[in-house]
Amino acid sequence: MSEPAGAPRKATPLQMVKAVLSAFIGIRKGAAHDRDMATLKPVQVIVTGIVAAALLVLGIATLVHFITS
């Protein structure tokens, strides 16, 4: 089924990850921010951000474990 012409597009998982990672780094273009605001839902961003933060902490903890052992 096709979406109505006025309905906003849904963001792909890759677009969500790119938006969250670029926010982590602090690099955002104005056009990308505007596009993300139109396509991303707050719940999607929160869940993706929590998962990305958990992976970052797990990666750093693993790196420290290997360095100190």
N, C-alpha and C. Protein backbone atom coordinates (compact mmCIF):
# COMPACT_ATOMS: atom_id res chain seq x y z
N MET A 1 0.84 -1.18 0.00
CA MET A 1 0.00 0.00 0.00
C MET A 1 0.88 1.24 0.00
N SER A 2 0.47 2.24 -0.72
CA SER A 2 1.24 3.47 -0.77
C SER A 2 0.77 4.43 0.32
N GLU A 3 1.69 5.30 0.74
CA GLU A 3 1.38 6.28 1.76
C GLU A 3 0.70 7.48 1.12
N PRO A 4 -0.10 8.21 1.89
CA PRO A 4 -0.69 9.44 1.34
C PRO A 4 0.39 10.45 0.97
N ALA A 5 0.08 11.32 0.01
CA ALA A 5 1.08 12.26 -0.50
C ALA A 5 1.57 13.22 0.58
N GLY A 6 0.76 13.58 1.55
CA GLY A 6 1.15 14.53 2.58
C GLY A 6 1.85 13.90 3.77
N ALA A 7 1.90 12.58 3.84
CA ALA A 7 2.50 11.90 4.99
C ALA A 7 4.01 11.99 4.93
N PRO A 8 4.66 12.26 6.09
CA PRO A 8 6.13 12.32 6.09
C PRO A 8 6.73 10.94 5.89
N ARG A 9 7.89 10.90 5.25
CA ARG A 9 8.59 9.64 5.03
C ARG A 9 9.12 9.12 6.34
N LYS A 10 9.25 7.81 6.44
CA LYS A 10 9.85 7.20 7.62
C LYS A 10 11.35 7.05 7.39
N ALA A 11 12.11 7.26 8.45
CA ALA A 11 13.56 7.14 8.35
C ALA A 11 13.96 5.67 8.38
N THR A 12 15.01 5.34 7.67
CA THR A 12 15.55 3.99 7.70
C THR A 12 16.42 3.83 8.95
N PRO A 13 16.68 2.59 9.37
CA PRO A 13 17.56 2.39 10.53
C PRO A 13 18.95 3.01 10.33
N LEU A 14 19.46 2.97 9.12
CA LEU A 14 20.77 3.57 8.84
C LEU A 14 20.73 5.08 9.04
N GLN A 15 19.65 5.72 8.63
CA GLN A 15 19.51 7.16 8.83
C GLN A 15 19.45 7.49 10.32
N MET A 16 18.79 6.64 11.10
CA MET A 16 18.72 6.87 12.55
C MET A 16 20.10 6.77 13.17
N VAL A 17 20.85 5.74 12.79
CA VAL A 17 22.20 5.57 13.34
C VAL A 17 23.09 6.73 12.95
N LYS A 18 23.03 7.16 11.69
CA LYS A 18 23.84 8.29 11.24
C LYS A 18 23.49 9.56 12.01
N ALA A 19 22.22 9.78 12.27
CA ALA A 19 21.80 10.98 12.99
C ALA A 19 22.31 10.95 14.43
N VAL A 20 22.22 9.79 15.08
CA VAL A 20 22.66 9.67 16.47
C VAL A 20 24.18 9.78 16.56
N LEU A 21 24.91 9.11 15.67
CA LEU A 21 26.36 9.16 15.72
C LEU A 21 26.89 10.56 15.41
N SER A 22 26.26 11.24 14.47
CA SER A 22 26.70 12.60 14.18
C SER A 22 26.39 13.53 15.34
N ALA A 23 25.33 13.25 16.08
CA ALA A 23 25.04 14.04 17.28
C ALA A 23 26.06 13.74 18.38
N PHE A 24 26.51 12.49 18.50
CA PHE A 24 27.55 12.12 19.47
C PHE A 24 28.82 12.92 19.19
N ILE A 25 29.18 13.01 17.92
CA ILE A 25 30.41 13.69 17.53
C ILE A 25 30.23 15.21 17.54
N GLY A 26 29.02 15.67 17.27
CA GLY A 26 28.75 17.10 17.25
C GLY A 26 28.84 17.71 15.88
N ILE A 27 28.77 16.88 14.85
CA ILE A 27 28.86 17.36 13.47
C ILE A 27 27.48 17.21 12.84
N ARG A 28 26.84 18.31 12.51
CA ARG A 28 25.52 18.26 11.88
C ARG A 28 25.42 19.37 10.84
N LYS A 29 24.85 19.06 9.72
CA LYS A 29 24.53 20.08 8.72
C LYS A 29 23.09 20.52 8.96
N GLY A 30 22.81 21.75 8.66
CA GLY A 30 21.46 22.28 8.87
C GLY A 30 20.41 21.53 8.07
N ALA A 31 20.73 21.20 6.82
CA ALA A 31 19.77 20.49 5.98
C ALA A 31 19.52 19.09 6.50
N ALA A 32 20.56 18.43 6.99
CA ALA A 32 20.40 17.08 7.52
C ALA A 32 19.56 17.12 8.80
N HIS A 33 19.78 18.13 9.62
CA HIS A 33 19.00 18.28 10.84
C HIS A 33 17.52 18.48 10.52
N ASP A 34 17.23 19.33 9.56
CA ASP A 34 15.84 19.59 9.16
C ASP A 34 15.19 18.32 8.60
N ARG A 35 15.94 17.57 7.79
CA ARG A 35 15.40 16.32 7.24
C ARG A 35 15.12 15.31 8.35
N ASP A 36 16.06 15.21 9.30
CA ASP A 36 15.88 14.27 10.39
C ASP A 36 14.70 14.65 11.27
N MET A 37 14.50 15.93 11.49
CA MET A 37 13.37 16.36 12.31
C MET A 37 12.04 15.99 11.66
N ALA A 38 12.02 15.93 10.34
CA ALA A 38 10.80 15.59 9.63
C ALA A 38 10.56 14.08 9.55
N THR A 39 11.63 13.29 9.62
CA THR A 39 11.46 11.85 9.41
C THR A 39 11.64 11.00 10.66
N LEU A 40 12.41 11.47 11.64
CA LEU A 40 12.67 10.67 12.83
C LEU A 40 11.65 10.94 13.91
N LYS A 41 11.30 9.89 14.63
CA LYS A 41 10.40 10.02 15.78
C LYS A 41 11.26 10.04 17.04
N PRO A 42 10.85 10.79 18.06
CA PRO A 42 11.66 10.88 19.28
C PRO A 42 11.97 9.53 19.92
N VAL A 43 11.02 8.62 19.90
CA VAL A 43 11.26 7.30 20.50
C VAL A 43 12.36 6.56 19.76
N GLN A 44 12.38 6.66 18.45
CA GLN A 44 13.42 6.02 17.65
C GLN A 44 14.79 6.58 18.01
N VAL A 45 14.88 7.88 18.15
CA VAL A 45 16.15 8.53 18.46
C VAL A 45 16.62 8.14 19.86
N ILE A 46 15.70 8.10 20.82
CA ILE A 46 16.07 7.75 22.19
C ILE A 46 16.58 6.32 22.27
N VAL A 47 15.87 5.39 21.65
CA VAL A 47 16.29 3.98 21.69
C VAL A 47 17.63 3.80 20.98
N THR A 48 17.78 4.40 19.82
CA THR A 48 19.04 4.30 19.08
C THR A 48 20.18 4.93 19.87
N GLY A 49 19.93 6.05 20.53
CA GLY A 49 20.95 6.71 21.35
C GLY A 49 21.38 5.86 22.54
N ILE A 50 20.42 5.22 23.20
CA ILE A 50 20.74 4.36 24.34
C ILE A 50 21.57 3.16 23.90
N VAL A 51 21.18 2.55 22.79
CA VAL A 51 21.94 1.40 22.28
C VAL A 51 23.35 1.83 21.87
N ALA A 52 23.47 2.97 21.20
CA ALA A 52 24.79 3.44 20.78
C ALA A 52 25.66 3.77 21.99
N ALA A 53 25.08 4.39 23.01
CA ALA A 53 25.84 4.72 24.22
C ALA A 53 26.29 3.45 24.94
N ALA A 54 25.42 2.45 25.00
CA ALA A 54 25.78 1.18 25.64
C ALA A 54 26.91 0.49 24.88
N LEU A 55 26.85 0.51 23.55
CA LEU A 55 27.92 -0.09 22.76
C LEU A 55 29.23 0.67 22.94
N LEU A 56 29.17 1.99 23.04
CA LEU A 56 30.36 2.79 23.26
C LEU A 56 31.00 2.44 24.62
N VAL A 57 30.19 2.39 25.66
CA VAL A 57 30.71 2.05 26.99
C VAL A 57 31.27 0.63 27.01
N LEU A 58 30.57 -0.30 26.40
CA LEU A 58 31.05 -1.68 26.34
C LEU A 58 32.36 -1.77 25.56
N GLY A 59 32.47 -1.04 24.47
CA GLY A 59 33.71 -1.04 23.69
C GLY A 59 34.87 -0.46 24.47
N ILE A 60 34.65 0.64 25.17
CA ILE A 60 35.71 1.25 25.97
C ILE A 60 36.12 0.33 27.11
N ALA A 61 35.15 -0.30 27.78
CA ALA A 61 35.46 -1.22 28.87
C ALA A 61 36.26 -2.42 28.37
N THR A 62 35.90 -2.93 27.21
CA THR A 62 36.64 -4.06 26.63
C THR A 62 38.06 -3.64 26.27
N LEU A 63 38.22 -2.48 25.69
CA LEU A 63 39.54 -1.97 25.34
C LEU A 63 40.41 -1.80 26.58
N VAL A 64 39.85 -1.23 27.63
CA VAL A 64 40.61 -1.05 28.88
C VAL A 64 40.97 -2.39 29.48
N HIS A 65 40.08 -3.35 29.43
CA HIS A 65 40.35 -4.69 29.95
C HIS A 65 41.54 -5.33 29.22
N PHE A 66 41.56 -5.23 27.89
CA PHE A 66 42.65 -5.82 27.11
C PHE A 66 43.97 -5.09 27.35
N ILE A 67 43.92 -3.78 27.51
CA ILE A 67 45.14 -3.01 27.73
C ILE A 67 45.73 -3.32 29.09
N THR A 68 44.89 -3.45 30.12
CA THR A 68 45.39 -3.64 31.48
C THR A 68 45.71 -5.09 31.81
N SER A 69 45.31 -6.03 30.97
CA SER A 69 45.59 -7.43 31.30
C SER A 69 46.89 -7.91 30.68
